[in-house]
Amino acid sequence: MKLHRLQSRQWLPLKPEEAWEFFSIPENLDRITPNDMSFKILSGGSEKIFSGHIICYTIKPLFGIPMKWVTEITHEEKGVYFIDEQRFGPYRFWHHMHRFTPDNGGVLMEDVLHYALPFGLLGELFGGFVHRKVRGIFSFREKTLETLFPGARLVD
């Protein structure tokens, strides 16, 4: 199994508690997910995240074909970080860490995603599209956060 890694760092002009408030509510995922994904939460979206929290949703990542996706918040330290892991869904492996660090009057939000494609070598051969899609989702989110929170900026 080949693991792929994607990392993003973005500074947000928010107090730490404001950033946590926004990102700890699963319903806000819809606001920062591209419309063409047709993201829809089926359950677990109306309460704040906690360790053991299960969130079920549908997405249409490829060719408008709906897929169910179930994630679990496996770790959470309020105001500091949380990790979501896929339990059922389109990837062979999905581990996404979100960390929030007070920085320069705002919050440095860091995402580290590790994922593996399904179908082994065949999945890797045709994985270019998936990798571009994942990067595109992160890019969309970064731009949306810049609109929602003027002054937000990417950090190297």
C-alpha atoms as a PDB file:
ATOM      1  CA  MET A   1       0.000   0.000   0.000  1.00  0.00           C
ATOM      2  CA  LYS A   2       1.423   3.357  -1.017  1.00  0.00           C
ATOM      3  CA  LEU A   3       0.628   6.244   1.301  1.00  0.00           C
ATOM      4  CA  HIS A   4       0.270   9.728  -0.133  1.00  0.00           C
ATOM      5  CA  ARG A   5       0.728  12.849   1.953  1.00  0.00           C
ATOM      6  CA  LEU A   6      -0.753  16.296   1.539  1.00  0.00           C
ATOM      7  CA  GLN A   7       0.031  19.133   3.927  1.00  0.00           C
ATOM      8  CA  SER A   8      -1.454  22.603   4.096  1.00  0.00           C
ATOM      9  CA  ARG A   9      -0.789  25.500   6.455  1.00  0.00           C
ATOM     10  CA  GLN A  10      -3.013  28.552   6.547  1.00  0.00           C
ATOM     11  CA  TRP A  11      -3.006  31.488   8.925  1.00  0.00           C
ATOM     12  CA  LEU A  12      -6.462  32.676   9.948  1.00  0.00           C
ATOM     13  CA  PRO A  13      -7.227  36.058  11.542  1.00  0.00           C
ATOM     14  CA  LEU A  14      -9.287  34.403  14.270  1.00  0.00           C
ATOM     15  CA  LYS A  15      -9.008  33.877  17.986  1.00  0.00           C
ATOM     16  CA  PRO A  16      -8.235  30.229  18.743  1.00  0.00           C
ATOM     17  CA  GLU A  17     -11.698  29.661  20.194  1.00  0.00           C
ATOM     18  CA  GLU A  18     -13.328  31.157  17.069  1.00  0.00           C
ATOM     19  CA  ALA A  19     -11.352  28.839  14.787  1.00  0.00           C
ATOM     20  CA  TRP A  20     -12.242  25.836  16.924  1.00  0.00           C
ATOM     21  CA  GLU A  21     -15.906  26.846  16.964  1.00  0.00           C
ATOM     22  CA  PHE A  22     -16.012  26.922  13.152  1.00  0.00           C
ATOM     23  CA  PHE A  23     -14.057  23.734  12.441  1.00  0.00           C
ATOM     24  CA  SER A  24     -15.564  21.616  15.218  1.00  0.00           C
ATOM     25  CA  ILE A  25     -19.041  21.790  13.683  1.00  0.00           C
ATOM     26  CA  PRO A  26     -19.309  19.185  10.877  1.00  0.00           C
ATOM     27  CA  GLU A  27     -22.062  21.144   9.110  1.00  0.00           C
ATOM     28  CA  ASN A  28     -19.429  23.762   8.199  1.00  0.00           C
ATOM     29  CA  LEU A  29     -17.717  21.163   5.995  1.00  0.00           C
ATOM     30  CA  ASP A  30     -20.371  21.851   3.370  1.00  0.00           C
ATOM     31  CA  ARG A  31     -19.332  25.519   3.250  1.00  0.00           C
ATOM     32  CA  ILE A  32     -15.695  24.658   2.481  1.00  0.00           C
ATOM     33  CA  THR A  33     -16.265  21.725   0.088  1.00  0.00           C
ATOM     34  CA  PRO A  34     -16.579  22.295  -3.688  1.00  0.00           C
ATOM     35  CA  ASN A  35     -20.164  22.237  -4.934  1.00  0.00           C
ATOM     36  CA  ASP A  36     -19.369  19.589  -7.556  1.00  0.00           C
ATOM     37  CA  MET A  37     -18.733  17.111  -4.733  1.00  0.00           C
ATOM     38  CA  SER A  38     -22.453  17.285  -3.771  1.00  0.00           C
ATOM     39  CA  PHE A  39     -21.451  16.892  -0.134  1.00  0.00           C
ATOM     40  CA  LYS A  40     -24.398  15.958   2.093  1.00  0.00           C
ATOM     41  CA  ILE A  41     -24.269  14.984   5.762  1.00  0.00           C
ATOM     42  CA  LEU A  42     -26.618  12.131   6.570  1.00  0.00           C
ATOM     43  CA  SER A  43     -25.967  11.907  10.313  1.00  0.00           C
ATOM     44  CA  GLY A  44     -23.651  13.275  12.989  1.00  0.00           C
ATOM     45  CA  GLY A  45     -23.465  16.774  11.582  1.00  0.00           C
ATOM     46  CA  SER A  46     -25.427  18.834  14.051  1.00  0.00           C
ATOM     47  CA  GLU A  47     -23.255  18.406  17.136  1.00  0.00           C
ATOM     48  CA  LYS A  48     -19.684  19.457  17.843  1.00  0.00           C
ATOM     49  CA  ILE A  49     -17.020  16.848  17.284  1.00  0.00           C
ATOM     50  CA  PHE A  50     -15.688  14.606  20.027  1.00  0.00           C
ATOM     51  CA  SER A  51     -13.490  11.504  20.144  1.00  0.00           C
ATOM     52  CA  GLY A  52     -15.586   8.617  18.868  1.00  0.00           C
ATOM     53  CA  HIS A  53     -17.921  10.894  16.871  1.00  0.00           C
ATOM     54  CA  ILE A  54     -19.216   9.166  13.721  1.00  0.00           C
ATOM     55  CA  ILE A  55     -20.202  11.292  10.726  1.00  0.00           C
ATOM     56  CA  CYS A  56     -21.997   9.747   7.741  1.00  0.00           C
ATOM     57  CA  TYR A  57     -22.342  11.564   4.446  1.00  0.00           C
ATOM     58  CA  THR A  58     -22.593  11.160   0.714  1.00  0.00           C
ATOM     59  CA  ILE A  59     -20.276  12.688  -1.831  1.00  0.00           C
ATOM     60  CA  LYS A  60     -19.996  12.558  -5.604  1.00  0.00           C
ATOM     61  CA  PRO A  61     -16.230  12.639  -6.153  1.00  0.00           C
ATOM     62  CA  LEU A  62     -16.104  11.022  -9.602  1.00  0.00           C
ATOM     63  CA  PHE A  63     -18.433  11.435 -12.571  1.00  0.00           C
ATOM     64  CA  GLY A  64     -21.396  12.389 -10.362  1.00  0.00           C
ATOM     65  CA  ILE A  65     -21.577   8.888  -8.873  1.00  0.00           C
ATOM     66  CA  PRO A  66     -22.792   9.063  -5.259  1.00  0.00           C
ATOM     67  CA  MET A  67     -20.695   7.340  -2.606  1.00  0.00           C
ATOM     68  CA  LYS A  68     -21.293   6.911   1.082  1.00  0.00           C
ATOM     69  CA  TRP A  69     -18.480   7.947   3.368  1.00  0.00           C
ATOM     70  CA  VAL A  70     -18.252   7.311   7.093  1.00  0.00           C
ATOM     71  CA  THR A  71     -15.600   9.008   9.189  1.00  0.00           C
ATOM     72  CA  GLU A  72     -14.775   8.799  12.857  1.00  0.00           C
ATOM     73  CA  ILE A  73     -13.184  11.530  14.928  1.00  0.00           C
ATOM     74  CA  THR A  74     -10.580   9.287  16.533  1.00  0.00           C
ATOM     75  CA  HIS A  75      -8.704  11.910  18.557  1.00  0.00           C
ATOM     76  CA  GLU A  76      -9.676  15.358  19.751  1.00  0.00           C
ATOM     77  CA  GLU A  77      -8.165  17.857  22.116  1.00  0.00           C
ATOM     78  CA  LYS A  78     -10.522  20.811  22.305  1.00  0.00           C
ATOM     79  CA  GLY A  79      -9.035  23.905  20.734  1.00  0.00           C
ATOM     80  CA  VAL A  80      -5.821  22.146  19.707  1.00  0.00           C
ATOM     81  CA  TYR A  81      -6.390  19.358  17.172  1.00  0.00           C
ATOM     82  CA  PHE A  82      -8.608  16.596  15.901  1.00  0.00           C
ATOM     83  CA  ILE A  83      -8.145  13.607  13.618  1.00  0.00           C
ATOM     84  CA  ASP A  84     -10.743  12.176  11.295  1.00  0.00           C
ATOM     85  CA  GLU A  85     -10.308   8.696   9.853  1.00  0.00           C
ATOM     86  CA  GLN A  86     -12.348   6.986   7.191  1.00  0.00           C
ATOM     87  CA  ARG A  87     -14.217   3.908   8.367  1.00  0.00           C
ATOM     88  CA  PHE A  88     -16.044   3.234   5.078  1.00  0.00           C
ATOM     89  CA  GLY A  89     -15.601   5.104   1.827  1.00  0.00           C
ATOM     90  CA  PRO A  90     -13.691   5.572  -1.388  1.00  0.00           C
ATOM     91  CA  TYR A  91     -10.131   5.327  -0.028  1.00  0.00           C
ATOM     92  CA  ARG A  92      -8.180   2.346   1.172  1.00  0.00           C
ATOM     93  CA  PHE A  93      -6.803   4.520   3.971  1.00  0.00           C
ATOM     94  CA  TRP A  94      -7.613   8.071   5.132  1.00  0.00           C
ATOM     95  CA  HIS A  95      -6.100   9.827   8.158  1.00  0.00           C
ATOM     96  CA  HIS A  96      -6.559  13.604   8.375  1.00  0.00           C
ATOM     97  CA  MET A  97      -5.075  15.644  11.212  1.00  0.00           C
ATOM     98  CA  HIS A  98      -6.273  19.232  11.791  1.00  0.00           C
ATOM     99  CA  ARG A  99      -4.130  21.285  14.198  1.00  0.00           C
ATOM    100  CA  PHE A 100      -4.749  24.828  15.471  1.00  0.00           C
ATOM    101  CA  THR A 101      -1.877  26.819  16.973  1.00  0.00           C
ATOM    102  CA  PRO A 102      -2.120  30.411  18.239  1.00  0.00           C
ATOM    103  CA  ASP A 103       0.191  32.480  16.042  1.00  0.00           C
ATOM    104  CA  ASN A 104       0.832  36.173  15.546  1.00  0.00           C
ATOM    105  CA  GLY A 105      -2.577  37.340  16.782  1.00  0.00           C
ATOM    106  CA  GLY A 106      -4.468  34.635  14.913  1.00  0.00           C
ATOM    107  CA  VAL A 107      -4.392  30.890  14.385  1.00  0.00           C
ATOM    108  CA  LEU A 108      -2.113  28.747  12.265  1.00  0.00           C
ATOM    109  CA  MET A 109      -4.257  25.921  10.925  1.00  0.00           C
ATOM    110  CA  GLU A 110      -2.302  22.925   9.726  1.00  0.00           C
ATOM    111  CA  ASP A 111      -3.735  19.951   7.899  1.00  0.00           C
ATOM    112  CA  VAL A 112      -1.790  16.765   7.329  1.00  0.00           C
ATOM    113  CA  LEU A 113      -3.556  14.168   5.236  1.00  0.00           C
ATOM    114  CA  HIS A 114      -2.289  10.647   4.627  1.00  0.00           C
ATOM    115  CA  TYR A 115      -4.310   8.565   2.196  1.00  0.00           C
ATOM    116  CA  ALA A 116      -4.030   5.450   0.073  1.00  0.00           C
ATOM    117  CA  LEU A 117      -5.946   4.652  -3.065  1.00  0.00           C
ATOM    118  CA  PRO A 118      -8.039   1.526  -3.521  1.00  0.00           C
ATOM    119  CA  PHE A 119      -7.293  -1.225  -6.072  1.00  0.00           C
ATOM    120  CA  GLY A 120      -3.556  -1.513  -5.395  1.00  0.00           C
ATOM    121  CA  LEU A 121      -1.299  -0.998  -8.415  1.00  0.00           C
ATOM    122  CA  LEU A 122      -4.270  -0.383 -10.703  1.00  0.00           C
ATOM    123  CA  GLY A 123      -5.440   2.398  -8.405  1.00  0.00           C
ATOM    124  CA  GLU A 124      -1.973   3.954  -8.496  1.00  0.00           C
ATOM    125  CA  LEU A 125      -1.828   3.770 -12.292  1.00  0.00           C
ATOM    126  CA  PHE A 126      -5.027   5.756 -12.607  1.00  0.00           C
ATOM    127  CA  GLY A 127      -4.553   7.780  -9.426  1.00  0.00           C
ATOM    128  CA  GLY A 128      -3.455  11.045 -11.055  1.00  0.00           C
ATOM    129  CA  PHE A 129      -7.055  12.177 -11.326  1.00  0.00           C
ATOM    130  CA  VAL A 130      -7.702  11.401  -7.646  1.00  0.00           C
ATOM    131  CA  HIS A 131      -4.566  13.236  -6.517  1.00  0.00           C
ATOM    132  CA  ARG A 132      -5.567  16.324  -8.529  1.00  0.00           C
ATOM    133  CA  LYS A 133      -9.077  16.119  -7.070  1.00  0.00           C
ATOM    134  CA  VAL A 134      -7.776  15.955  -3.479  1.00  0.00           C
ATOM    135  CA  ARG A 135      -5.419  18.895  -4.087  1.00  0.00           C
ATOM    136  CA  GLY A 136      -8.315  20.772  -5.712  1.00  0.00           C
ATOM    137  CA  ILE A 137     -10.520  20.238  -2.662  1.00  0.00           C
ATOM    138  CA  PHE A 138      -7.795  21.651  -0.406  1.00  0.00           C
ATOM    139  CA  SER A 139      -7.257  24.587  -2.764  1.00  0.00           C
ATOM    140  CA  PHE A 140     -10.987  25.337  -2.839  1.00  0.00           C
ATOM    141  CA  ARG A 141     -11.121  25.228   0.943  1.00  0.00           C
ATOM    142  CA  GLU A 142      -8.139  27.576   1.291  1.00  0.00           C
ATOM    143  CA  LYS A 143      -9.705  30.112  -1.088  1.00  0.00           C
ATOM    144  CA  THR A 144     -13.087  29.845   0.623  1.00  0.00           C
ATOM    145  CA  LEU A 145     -11.492  30.471   4.021  1.00  0.00           C
ATOM    146  CA  GLU A 146      -9.777  33.562   2.575  1.00  0.00           C
ATOM    147  CA  THR A 147     -13.235  34.817   1.575  1.00  0.00           C
ATOM    148  CA  LEU A 148     -14.942  33.889   4.849  1.00  0.00           C
ATOM    149  CA  PHE A 149     -12.097  35.277   6.974  1.00  0.00           C
ATOM    150  CA  PRO A 150     -10.486  38.256   5.148  1.00  0.00           C
ATOM    151  CA  GLY A 151      -6.782  38.395   5.881  1.00  0.00           C
ATOM    152  CA  ALA A 152      -6.359  34.598   5.867  1.00  0.00           C
ATOM    153  CA  ARG A 153      -3.254  33.525   3.985  1.00  0.00           C
ATOM    154  CA  LEU A 154      -1.302  30.404   3.114  1.00  0.00           C
ATOM    155  CA  VAL A 155       1.934  29.826   4.994  1.00  0.00           C
ATOM    156  CA  ASP A 156       4.956  27.978   3.590  1.00  0.00           C
END
